[in-house]
Amino acid sequence: GHTDYGAAVKGRFTISRDNATNTVYLQMNSLNIEDTAVYYCAAAH
Protein backbone atom coordinates (compact mmCIF):
# COMPACT_ATOMS: atom_id res chain seq x y z
CA GLY A 1 0.00 0.00 0.00
CA HIS A 2 2.95 2.36 0.31
CA THR A 3 6.14 2.74 -1.69
CA ASP A 4 9.04 5.15 -1.73
CA TYR A 5 11.95 5.88 -4.05
CA GLY A 6 15.32 7.50 -3.92
CA ALA A 7 15.64 10.79 -5.75
CA ALA A 8 17.92 9.33 -8.41
CA VAL A 9 15.33 6.80 -9.58
CA LYS A 10 11.97 8.50 -9.07
CA GLY A 11 9.88 8.36 -12.20
CA ARG A 12 12.02 5.62 -13.74
CA PHE A 13 11.79 2.67 -11.33
CA THR A 14 8.71 0.90 -9.98
CA ILE A 15 8.62 -1.51 -7.05
CA SER A 16 5.88 -4.10 -6.64
CA ARG A 17 5.22 -7.29 -4.71
CA ASP A 18 3.31 -10.54 -4.99
CA ASN A 19 3.00 -12.08 -1.56
CA ALA A 20 1.45 -15.23 -3.03
CA THR A 21 4.79 -16.07 -4.64
CA ASN A 22 6.99 -14.45 -1.99
CA THR A 23 8.47 -12.18 -4.61
CA VAL A 24 9.22 -8.47 -4.91
CA TYR A 25 10.09 -6.84 -8.21
CA LEU A 26 11.93 -3.74 -9.33
CA GLN A 27 11.07 -2.54 -12.83
CA MET A 28 13.84 -0.27 -14.09
CA ASN A 29 13.26 1.96 -17.11
CA SER A 30 15.33 4.60 -18.88
CA LEU A 31 18.50 3.15 -17.46
CA ASN A 32 21.71 5.14 -17.59
CA ILE A 33 25.32 4.35 -16.80
CA GLU A 34 24.94 5.76 -13.28
CA ASP A 35 22.51 2.93 -12.53
CA THR A 36 25.29 0.37 -12.87
CA ALA A 37 25.62 -1.37 -9.51
CA VAL A 38 25.00 -4.52 -7.56
CA TYR A 39 21.37 -4.44 -6.48
CA TYR A 40 20.37 -5.95 -3.15
CA CYS A 41 17.00 -6.65 -1.61
CA ALA A 42 16.38 -6.66 2.11
CA ALA A 43 13.46 -7.59 4.37
CA ALA A 44 12.31 -5.96 7.60
CA HIS A 45 9.76 -7.53 9.91
All heavy atoms as atom14 arrays in JSON, in Angstrom:
{
  "sequence": "GHTDYGAAVKGRFTISRDNATNTVYLQMNSLNIEDTAVYYCAAAH",
  "atom14_mask": [
    [1, 1, 1, 1, 0, 0, 0, 0, 0, 0, 0, 0, 0, 0],
    [1, 1, 1, 1, 1, 1, 1, 1, 1, 1, 0, 0, 0, 0],
    [1, 1, 1, 1, 1, 1, 1, 0, 0, 0, 0, 0, 0, 0],
    [1, 1, 1, 1, 1, 1, 1, 1, 0, 0, 0, 0, 0, 0],
    [1, 1, 1, 1, 1, 1, 1, 1, 1, 1, 1, 1, 0, 0],
    [1, 1, 1, 1, 0, 0, 0, 0, 0, 0, 0, 0, 0, 0],
    [1, 1, 1, 1, 1, 0, 0, 0, 0, 0, 0, 0, 0, 0],
    [1, 1, 1, 1, 1, 0, 0, 0, 0, 0, 0, 0, 0, 0],
    [1, 1, 1, 1, 1, 1, 1, 0, 0, 0, 0, 0, 0, 0],
    [1, 1, 1, 1, 1, 1, 1, 1, 1, 0, 0, 0, 0, 0],
    [1, 1, 1, 1, 0, 0, 0, 0, 0, 0, 0, 0, 0, 0],
    [1, 1, 1, 1, 1, 1, 1, 1, 1, 1, 1, 0, 0, 0],
    [1, 1, 1, 1, 1, 1, 1, 1, 1, 1, 1, 0, 0, 0],
    [1, 1, 1, 1, 1, 1, 1, 0, 0, 0, 0, 0, 0, 0],
    [1, 1, 1, 1, 1, 1, 1, 1, 0, 0, 0, 0, 0, 0],
    [1, 1, 1, 1, 1, 1, 0, 0, 0, 0, 0, 0, 0, 0],
    [1, 1, 1, 1, 1, 1, 1, 1, 1, 1, 1, 0, 0, 0],
    [1, 1, 1, 1, 1, 1, 1, 1, 0, 0, 0, 0, 0, 0],
    [1, 1, 1, 1, 1, 1, 1, 1, 0, 0, 0, 0, 0, 0],
    [1, 1, 1, 1, 1, 0, 0, 0, 0, 0, 0, 0, 0, 0],
    [1, 1, 1, 1, 1, 1, 1, 0, 0, 0, 0, 0, 0, 0],
    [1, 1, 1, 1, 1, 1, 1, 1, 0, 0, 0, 0, 0, 0],
    [1, 1, 1, 1, 1, 1, 1, 0, 0, 0, 0, 0, 0, 0],
    [1, 1, 1, 1, 1, 1, 1, 0, 0, 0, 0, 0, 0, 0],
    [1, 1, 1, 1, 1, 1, 1, 1, 1, 1, 1, 1, 0, 0],
    [1, 1, 1, 1, 1, 1, 1, 1, 0, 0, 0, 0, 0, 0],
    [1, 1, 1, 1, 1, 1, 1, 1, 1, 0, 0, 0, 0, 0],
    [1, 1, 1, 1, 1, 1, 1, 1, 0, 0, 0, 0, 0, 0],
    [1, 1, 1, 1, 1, 1, 1, 1, 0, 0, 0, 0, 0, 0],
    [1, 1, 1, 1, 1, 1, 0, 0, 0, 0, 0, 0, 0, 0],
    [1, 1, 1, 1, 1, 1, 1, 1, 0, 0, 0, 0, 0, 0],
    [1, 1, 1, 1, 1, 1, 1, 1, 0, 0, 0, 0, 0, 0],
    [1, 1, 1, 1, 1, 1, 1, 1, 0, 0, 0, 0, 0, 0],
    [1, 1, 1, 1, 1, 1, 1, 1, 1, 0, 0, 0, 0, 0],
    [1, 1, 1, 1, 1, 1, 1, 1, 0, 0, 0, 0, 0, 0],
    [1, 1, 1, 1, 1, 1, 1, 0, 0, 0, 0, 0, 0, 0],
    [1, 1, 1, 1, 1, 0, 0, 0, 0, 0, 0, 0, 0, 0],
    [1, 1, 1, 1, 1, 1, 1, 0, 0, 0, 0, 0, 0, 0],
    [1, 1, 1, 1, 1, 1, 1, 1, 1, 1, 1, 1, 0, 0],
    [1, 1, 1, 1, 1, 1, 1, 1, 1, 1, 1, 1, 0, 0],
    [1, 1, 1, 1, 1, 1, 0, 0, 0, 0, 0, 0, 0, 0],
    [1, 1, 1, 1, 1, 0, 0, 0, 0, 0, 0, 0, 0, 0],
    [1, 1, 1, 1, 1, 0, 0, 0, 0, 0, 0, 0, 0, 0],
    [1, 1, 1, 1, 1, 0, 0, 0, 0, 0, 0, 0, 0, 0],
    [1, 1, 1, 1, 1, 1, 1, 1, 1, 1, 0, 0, 0, 0]
  ],
  "atom14_positions": [
    [[0.77, -1.22, 0.0], [0.0, 0.0, 0.0], [0.81, 1.28, 0.0], [0.27, 2.36, -0.25], [0.0, 0.0, 0.0], [0.0, 0.0, 0.0], [0.0, 0.0, 0.0], [0.0, 0.0, 0.0], [0.0, 0.0, 0.0], [0.0, 0.0, 0.0], [0.0, 0.0, 0.0], [0.0, 0.0, 0.0], [0.0, 0.0, 0.0], [0.0, 0.0, 0.0]],
    [[2.09, 1.19, 0.3], [2.95, 2.36, 0.31], [4.31, 2.01, -0.28], [4.86, 0.95, 0.01], [3.13, 2.9, 1.73], [4.07, 4.05, 1.82], [5.35, 3.93, 2.34], [3.94, 5.35, 1.44], [5.95, 5.1, 2.27], [5.12, 5.98, 1.73], [0.0, 0.0, 0.0], [0.0, 0.0, 0.0], [0.0, 0.0, 0.0], [0.0, 0.0, 0.0]],
    [[4.81, 2.9, -1.11], [6.14, 2.74, -1.69], [6.9, 4.05, -1.61], [6.31, 5.13, -1.46], [6.06, 2.29, -3.16], [5.35, 3.28, -3.92], [5.34, 0.95, -3.29], [0.0, 0.0, 0.0], [0.0, 0.0, 0.0], [0.0, 0.0, 0.0], [0.0, 0.0, 0.0], [0.0, 0.0, 0.0], [0.0, 0.0, 0.0], [0.0, 0.0, 0.0]],
    [[8.21, 3.96, -1.73], [9.04, 5.15, -1.73], [10.24, 4.89, -2.63], [10.6, 3.73, -2.88], [9.5, 5.51, -0.32], [9.95, 6.96, -0.2], [9.74, 7.74, -1.15], [10.5, 7.32, 0.86], [0.0, 0.0, 0.0], [0.0, 0.0, 0.0], [0.0, 0.0, 0.0], [0.0, 0.0, 0.0], [0.0, 0.0, 0.0], [0.0, 0.0, 0.0]],
    [[10.84, 5.98, -3.12], [11.95, 5.88, -4.05], [13.01, 6.91, -3.74], [12.72, 8.02, -3.28], [11.47, 6.09, -5.49], [10.44, 5.09, -5.93], [9.09, 5.32, -5.75], [10.83, 3.89, -6.53], [8.14, 4.39, -6.14], [9.89, 2.96, -6.93], [8.55, 3.21, -6.73], [7.62, 2.28, -7.12], [0.0, 0.0, 0.0], [0.0, 0.0, 0.0]],
    [[14.25, 6.54, -4.01], [15.32, 7.5, -3.92], [15.22, 8.52, -5.04], [14.66, 8.26, -6.11], [0.0, 0.0, 0.0], [0.0, 0.0, 0.0], [0.0, 0.0, 0.0], [0.0, 0.0, 0.0], [0.0, 0.0, 0.0], [0.0, 0.0, 0.0], [0.0, 0.0, 0.0], [0.0, 0.0, 0.0], [0.0, 0.0, 0.0], [0.0, 0.0, 0.0]],
    [[15.76, 9.71, -4.79], [15.64, 10.79, -5.75], [16.21, 10.44, -7.12], [15.69, 10.89, -8.16], [16.32, 12.05, -5.2], [0.0, 0.0, 0.0], [0.0, 0.0, 0.0], [0.0, 0.0, 0.0], [0.0, 0.0, 0.0], [0.0, 0.0, 0.0], [0.0, 0.0, 0.0], [0.0, 0.0, 0.0], [0.0, 0.0, 0.0], [0.0, 0.0, 0.0]],
    [[17.26, 9.65, -7.16], [17.92, 9.33, -8.41], [17.09, 8.44, -9.33], [17.36, 8.38, -10.53], [19.28, 8.67, -8.14], [0.0, 0.0, 0.0], [0.0, 0.0, 0.0], [0.0, 0.0, 0.0], [0.0, 0.0, 0.0], [0.0, 0.0, 0.0], [0.0, 0.0, 0.0], [0.0, 0.0, 0.0], [0.0, 0.0, 0.0], [0.0, 0.0, 0.0]],
    [[16.09, 7.75, -8.78], [15.33, 6.8, -9.58], [13.85, 7.13, -9.69], [13.12, 6.44, -10.41], [15.51, 5.36, -9.06], [16.98, 5.0, -8.92], [14.78, 5.18, -7.72], [0.0, 0.0, 0.0], [0.0, 0.0, 0.0], [0.0, 0.0, 0.0], [0.0, 0.0, 0.0], [0.0, 0.0, 0.0], [0.0, 0.0, 0.0], [0.0, 0.0, 0.0]],
    [[13.39, 8.15, -9.01], [11.97, 8.5, -9.07], [11.54, 8.78, -10.49], [12.21, 9.48, -11.24], [11.7, 9.73, -8.19], [11.72, 9.44, -6.7], [11.4, 10.69, -5.89], [11.41, 10.4, -4.4], [11.15, 11.6, -3.59], [0.0, 0.0, 0.0], [0.0, 0.0, 0.0], [0.0, 0.0, 0.0], [0.0, 0.0, 0.0], [0.0, 0.0, 0.0]],
    [[10.41, 8.2, -10.86], [9.88, 8.36, -12.2], [10.4, 7.35, -13.19], [9.86, 7.25, -14.3], [0.0, 0.0, 0.0], [0.0, 0.0, 0.0], [0.0, 0.0, 0.0], [0.0, 0.0, 0.0], [0.0, 0.0, 0.0], [0.0, 0.0, 0.0], [0.0, 0.0, 0.0], [0.0, 0.0, 0.0], [0.0, 0.0, 0.0], [0.0, 0.0, 0.0]],
    [[11.44, 6.61, -12.83], [12.02, 5.62, -13.74], [11.86, 4.19, -13.23], [11.75, 3.26, -14.03], [13.51, 5.9, -13.95], [13.79, 7.26, -14.58], [15.26, 7.39, -14.97], [16.15, 7.33, -13.81], [17.09, 6.41, -13.63], [17.29, 5.46, -14.54], [17.86, 6.45, -12.54], [0.0, 0.0, 0.0], [0.0, 0.0, 0.0], [0.0, 0.0, 0.0]],
    [[11.88, 4.0, -11.92], [11.79, 2.67, -11.33], [10.44, 2.48, -10.66], [9.84, 3.44, -10.14], [12.88, 2.47, -10.27], [14.28, 2.37, -10.8], [14.59, 2.67, -12.12], [15.31, 1.97, -9.96], [15.89, 2.58, -12.6], [16.61, 1.88, -10.42], [16.9, 2.18, -11.74], [0.0, 0.0, 0.0], [0.0, 0.0, 0.0], [0.0, 0.0, 0.0]],
    [[9.96, 1.23, -10.64], [8.71, 0.9, -9.98], [8.89, -0.38, -9.18], [9.33, -1.4, -9.72], [7.57, 0.71, -10.98], [7.4, 1.9, -11.76], [6.26, 0.41, -10.24], [0.0, 0.0, 0.0], [0.0, 0.0, 0.0], [0.0, 0.0, 0.0], [0.0, 0.0, 0.0], [0.0, 0.0, 0.0], [0.0, 0.0, 0.0], [0.0, 0.0, 0.0]],
    [[8.55, -0.33, -7.91], [8.62, -1.51, -7.05], [7.22, -2.1, -6.9], [6.23, -1.38, -6.85], [9.23, -1.15, -5.67], [9.52, -2.4, -4.85], [8.32, -0.19, -4.9], [10.31, -2.12, -3.57], [0.0, 0.0, 0.0], [0.0, 0.0, 0.0], [0.0, 0.0, 0.0], [0.0, 0.0, 0.0], [0.0, 0.0, 0.0], [0.0, 0.0, 0.0]],
    [[7.15, -3.42, -6.84], [5.88, -4.1, -6.64], [6.13, -5.41, -5.92], [7.27, -5.87, -5.81], [5.16, -4.35, -7.97], [5.94, -5.19, -8.82], [0.0, 0.0, 0.0], [0.0, 0.0, 0.0], [0.0, 0.0, 0.0], [0.0, 0.0, 0.0], [0.0, 0.0, 0.0], [0.0, 0.0, 0.0], [0.0, 0.0, 0.0], [0.0, 0.0, 0.0]],
    [[5.06, -6.02, -5.41], [5.22, -7.29, -4.71], [4.05, -8.21, -4.98], [2.93, -7.77, -5.27], [5.39, -7.06, -3.2], [4.14, -6.54, -2.49], [4.47, -6.15, -1.05], [4.95, -7.29, -0.27], [5.66, -7.19, 0.85], [6.0, -5.98, 1.31], [6.04, -8.28, 1.5], [0.0, 0.0, 0.0], [0.0, 0.0, 0.0], [0.0, 0.0, 0.0]],
    [[4.32, -9.5, -4.88], [3.31, -10.54, -4.99], [3.54, -11.48, -3.82], [4.38, -12.38, -3.89], [3.42, -11.27, -6.33], [2.34, -12.31, -6.51], [1.54, -12.54, -5.59], [2.28, -12.91, -7.6], [0.0, 0.0, 0.0], [0.0, 0.0, 0.0], [0.0, 0.0, 0.0], [0.0, 0.0, 0.0], [0.0, 0.0, 0.0], [0.0, 0.0, 0.0]],
    [[2.8, -11.27, -2.76], [3.0, -12.08, -1.56], [2.67, -13.56, -1.78], [3.2, -14.43, -1.08], [2.18, -11.53, -0.4], [2.77, -10.27, 0.19], [3.9, -9.89, -0.12], [2.01, -9.6, 1.04], [0.0, 0.0, 0.0], [0.0, 0.0, 0.0], [0.0, 0.0, 0.0], [0.0, 0.0, 0.0], [0.0, 0.0, 0.0], [0.0, 0.0, 0.0]],
    [[1.81, -13.85, -2.75], [1.45, -15.23, -3.03], [2.65, -16.04, -3.5], [2.7, -17.25, -3.28], [0.33, -15.29, -4.06], [0.0, 0.0, 0.0], [0.0, 0.0, 0.0], [0.0, 0.0, 0.0], [0.0, 0.0, 0.0], [0.0, 0.0, 0.0], [0.0, 0.0, 0.0], [0.0, 0.0, 0.0], [0.0, 0.0, 0.0], [0.0, 0.0, 0.0]],
    [[3.59, -15.39, -4.17], [4.79, -16.07, -4.64], [6.04, -15.65, -3.88], [7.15, -16.0, -4.27], [5.0, -15.82, -6.14], [5.09, -14.41, -6.39], [3.84, -16.39, -6.95], [0.0, 0.0, 0.0], [0.0, 0.0, 0.0], [0.0, 0.0, 0.0], [0.0, 0.0, 0.0], [0.0, 0.0, 0.0], [0.0, 0.0, 0.0], [0.0, 0.0, 0.0]],
    [[5.86, -14.88, -2.81], [6.99, -14.45, -1.99], [8.03, -13.7, -2.8], [9.24, -13.87, -2.6], [7.64, -15.66, -1.29], [7.2, -15.83, 0.15], [6.46, -15.02, 0.69], [7.68, -16.89, 0.78], [0.0, 0.0, 0.0], [0.0, 0.0, 0.0], [0.0, 0.0, 0.0], [0.0, 0.0, 0.0], [0.0, 0.0, 0.0], [0.0, 0.0, 0.0]],
    [[7.57, -12.85, -3.69], [8.47, -12.18, -4.61], [8.2, -10.68, -4.66], [7.05, -10.24, -4.66], [8.34, -12.76, -6.02], [8.61, -14.17, -5.98], [9.33, -12.11, -6.98], [0.0, 0.0, 0.0], [0.0, 0.0, 0.0], [0.0, 0.0, 0.0], [0.0, 0.0, 0.0], [0.0, 0.0, 0.0], [0.0, 0.0, 0.0], [0.0, 0.0, 0.0]],
    [[9.27, -9.91, -4.72], [9.22, -8.47, -4.91], [10.0, -8.14, -6.18], [11.05, -8.74, -6.45], [9.8, -7.72, -3.7], [9.82, -6.22, -3.96], [8.98, -8.02, -2.46], [0.0, 0.0, 0.0], [0.0, 0.0, 0.0], [0.0, 0.0, 0.0], [0.0, 0.0, 0.0], [0.0, 0.0, 0.0], [0.0, 0.0, 0.0], [0.0, 0.0, 0.0]],
    [[9.49, -7.2, -6.94], [10.09, -6.84, -8.21], [10.55, -5.38, -8.22], [10.02, -4.54, -7.49], [9.09, -7.03, -9.36], [8.56, -8.43, -9.48], [7.38, -8.79, -8.84], [9.24, -9.39, -10.21], [6.89, -10.09, -8.95], [8.77, -10.68, -10.32], [7.59, -11.03, -9.69], [7.11, -12.3, -9.8], [0.0, 0.0, 0.0], [0.0, 0.0, 0.0]],
    [[11.52, -5.11, -9.06], [11.93, -3.74, -9.33], [12.03, -3.58, -10.84], [12.92, -4.14, -11.48], [13.27, -3.41, -8.67], [13.72, -1.95, -8.8], [12.8, -1.04, -7.99], [15.17, -1.78, -8.35], [0.0, 0.0, 0.0], [0.0, 0.0, 0.0], [0.0, 0.0, 0.0], [0.0, 0.0, 0.0], [0.0, 0.0, 0.0], [0.0, 0.0, 0.0]],
    [[11.07, -2.85, -11.41], [11.07, -2.54, -12.83], [11.9, -1.28, -13.04], [11.6, -0.24, -12.46], [9.65, -2.33, -13.34], [9.55, -1.89, -14.8], [9.97, -2.98, -15.75], [9.43, -4.09, -15.71], [10.92, -2.68, -16.63], [0.0, 0.0, 0.0], [0.0, 0.0, 0.0], [0.0, 0.0, 0.0], [0.0, 0.0, 0.0], [0.0, 0.0, 0.0]],
    [[12.92, -1.37, -13.86], [13.84, -0.27, -14.09], [13.76, 0.16, -15.55], [14.02, -0.64, -16.45], [15.27, -0.68, -13.73], [15.42, -1.14, -12.29], [17.12, -1.65, -11.89], [17.2, -3.2, -12.79], [0.0, 0.0, 0.0], [0.0, 0.0, 0.0], [0.0, 0.0, 0.0], [0.0, 0.0, 0.0], [0.0, 0.0, 0.0], [0.0, 0.0, 0.0]],
    [[13.39, 1.4, -15.78], [13.26, 1.96, -17.11], [14.22, 3.12, -17.29], [14.72, 3.69, -16.33], [11.83, 2.44, -17.37], [10.81, 1.33, -17.3], [11.08, 0.2, -17.69], [9.61, 1.66, -16.82], [0.0, 0.0, 0.0], [0.0, 0.0, 0.0], [0.0, 0.0, 0.0], [0.0, 0.0, 0.0], [0.0, 0.0, 0.0], [0.0, 0.0, 0.0]],
    [[14.46, 3.48, -18.54], [15.33, 4.6, -18.88], [16.66, 4.53, -18.14], [17.14, 5.5, -17.57], [14.62, 5.93, -18.57], [13.41, 6.04, -19.3], [0.0, 0.0, 0.0], [0.0, 0.0, 0.0], [0.0, 0.0, 0.0], [0.0, 0.0, 0.0], [0.0, 0.0, 0.0], [0.0, 0.0, 0.0], [0.0, 0.0, 0.0], [0.0, 0.0, 0.0]],
    [[17.26, 3.37, -18.19], [18.5, 3.15, -17.46], [19.64, 3.97, -18.04], [19.72, 4.17, -19.26], [18.85, 1.67, -17.47], [17.97, 0.79, -16.58], [18.1, -0.67, -16.98], [18.34, 0.99, -15.11], [0.0, 0.0, 0.0], [0.0, 0.0, 0.0], [0.0, 0.0, 0.0], [0.0, 0.0, 0.0], [0.0, 0.0, 0.0], [0.0, 0.0, 0.0]],
    [[20.51, 4.42, -17.18], [21.71, 5.14, -17.59], [22.92, 4.53, -16.9], [22.79, 3.68, -16.02], [21.59, 6.64, -17.3], [21.26, 6.94, -15.85], [22.03, 6.58, -14.95], [20.15, 7.61, -15.62], [0.0, 0.0, 0.0], [0.0, 0.0, 0.0], [0.0, 0.0, 0.0], [0.0, 0.0, 0.0], [0.0, 0.0, 0.0], [0.0, 0.0, 0.0]],
    [[24.11, 4.97, -17.31], [25.32, 4.35, -16.8], [25.46, 4.51, -15.29], [26.1, 3.68, -14.64], [26.57, 4.89, -17.5], [26.69, 6.4, -17.33], [26.55, 4.51, -18.97], [27.99, 6.97, -17.88], [0.0, 0.0, 0.0], [0.0, 0.0, 0.0], [0.0, 0.0, 0.0], [0.0, 0.0, 0.0], [0.0, 0.0, 0.0], [0.0, 0.0, 0.0]],
    [[24.87, 5.55, -14.73], [24.94, 5.76, -13.28], [24.12, 4.73, -12.5], [24.26, 4.64, -11.28], [24.48, 7.17, -12.92], [25.45, 8.28, -13.33], [25.41, 8.57, -14.82], [24.35, 8.34, -15.45], [26.44, 9.01, -15.36], [0.0, 0.0, 0.0], [0.0, 0.0, 0.0], [0.0, 0.0, 0.0], [0.0, 0.0, 0.0], [0.0, 0.0, 0.0]],
    [[23.28, 3.97, -13.19], [22.51, 2.93, -12.53], [23.29, 1.63, -12.39], [22.81, 0.68, -11.77], [21.21, 2.65, -13.3], [20.27, 3.85, -13.3], [20.09, 4.47, -12.23], [19.72, 4.16, -14.38], [0.0, 0.0, 0.0], [0.0, 0.0, 0.0], [0.0, 0.0, 0.0], [0.0, 0.0, 0.0], [0.0, 0.0, 0.0], [0.0, 0.0, 0.0]],
    [[24.47, 1.57, -12.97], [25.29, 0.37, -12.87], [25.68, 0.12, -11.41], [26.27, 0.99, -10.76], [26.55, 0.5, -13.73], [26.18, 0.58, -15.11], [27.47, -0.7, -13.54], [0.0, 0.0, 0.0], [0.0, 0.0, 0.0], [0.0, 0.0, 0.0], [0.0, 0.0, 0.0], [0.0, 0.0, 0.0], [0.0, 0.0, 0.0], [0.0, 0.0, 0.0]],
    [[25.36, -1.05, -10.91], [25.62, -1.37, -9.51], [25.2, -2.81, -9.24], [24.55, -3.45, -10.07], [24.86, -0.43, -8.57], [0.0, 0.0, 0.0], [0.0, 0.0, 0.0], [0.0, 0.0, 0.0], [0.0, 0.0, 0.0], [0.0, 0.0, 0.0], [0.0, 0.0, 0.0], [0.0, 0.0, 0.0], [0.0, 0.0, 0.0], [0.0, 0.0, 0.0]],
    [[25.58, -3.29, -8.09], [25.0, -4.52, -7.56], [23.75, -4.13, -6.79], [23.8, -3.26, -5.91], [25.98, -5.28, -6.65], [25.31, -6.51, -6.05], [27.22, -5.68, -7.44], [0.0, 0.0, 0.0], [0.0, 0.0, 0.0], [0.0, 0.0, 0.0], [0.0, 0.0, 0.0], [0.0, 0.0, 0.0], [0.0, 0.0, 0.0], [0.0, 0.0, 0.0]],
    [[22.64, -4.75, -7.11], [21.37, -4.44, -6.48], [21.03, -5.51, -5.46], [21.06, -6.71, -5.75], [20.26, -4.35, -7.54], [20.31, -3.06, -8.32], [21.32, -2.83, -9.24], [19.36, -2.06, -8.12], [21.39, -1.64, -9.95], [19.41, -0.87, -8.82], [20.42, -0.67, -9.73], [20.48, 0.51, -10.43], [0.0, 0.0, 0.0], [0.0, 0.0, 0.0]],
    [[20.7, -5.07, -4.26], [20.37, -5.95, -3.15], [18.94, -5.73, -2.69], [18.45, -4.6, -2.68], [21.29, -5.68, -1.94], [22.76, -5.83, -2.21], [23.51, -4.75, -2.67], [23.41, -7.04, -1.98], [24.87, -4.88, -2.91], [24.76, -7.17, -2.21], [25.49, -6.09, -2.67], [26.84, -6.22, -2.9], [0.0, 0.0, 0.0], [0.0, 0.0, 0.0]],
    [[18.28, -6.79, -2.29], [17.0, -6.65, -1.61], [17.18, -7.0, -0.14], [18.07, -7.76, 0.23], [15.9, -7.5, -2.25], [16.11, -9.28, -2.13], [0.0, 0.0, 0.0], [0.0, 0.0, 0.0], [0.0, 0.0, 0.0], [0.0, 0.0, 0.0], [0.0, 0.0, 0.0], [0.0, 0.0, 0.0], [0.0, 0.0, 0.0], [0.0, 0.0, 0.0]],
    [[16.31, -6.44, 0.68], [16.38, -6.66, 2.11], [14.96, -6.67, 2.68], [14.08, -5.99, 2.17], [17.21, -5.58, 2.79], [0.0, 0.0, 0.0], [0.0, 0.0, 0.0], [0.0, 0.0, 0.0], [0.0, 0.0, 0.0], [0.0, 0.0, 0.0], [0.0, 0.0, 0.0], [0.0, 0.0, 0.0], [0.0, 0.0, 0.0], [0.0, 0.0, 0.0]],
    [[14.77, -7.44, 3.75], [13.46, -7.59, 4.37], [13.5, -7.12, 5.81], [14.46, -7.39, 6.54], [13.0, -9.04, 4.3], [0.0, 0.0, 0.0], [0.0, 0.0, 0.0], [0.0, 0.0, 0.0], [0.0, 0.0, 0.0], [0.0, 0.0, 0.0], [0.0, 0.0, 0.0], [0.0, 0.0, 0.0], [0.0, 0.0, 0.0], [0.0, 0.0, 0.0]],
    [[12.45, -6.44, 6.22], [12.31, -5.96, 7.6], [10.97, -6.4, 8.15], [9.93, -6.16, 7.53], [12.41, -4.43, 7.65], [0.0, 0.0, 0.0], [0.0, 0.0, 0.0], [0.0, 0.0, 0.0], [0.0, 0.0, 0.0], [0.0, 0.0, 0.0], [0.0, 0.0, 0.0], [0.0, 0.0, 0.0], [0.0, 0.0, 0.0], [0.0, 0.0, 0.0]],
    [[10.99, -7.05, 9.3], [9.76, -7.53, 9.91], [9.04, -6.36, 10.56], [9.46, -5.85, 11.6], [10.08, -8.61, 10.95], [8.87, -9.25, 11.55], [7.92, -9.88, 10.79], [8.45, -9.34, 12.85], [6.96, -10.34, 11.58], [7.27, -10.03, 12.83], [0.0, 0.0, 0.0], [0.0, 0.0, 0.0], [0.0, 0.0, 0.0], [0.0, 0.0, 0.0]]
  ]
}
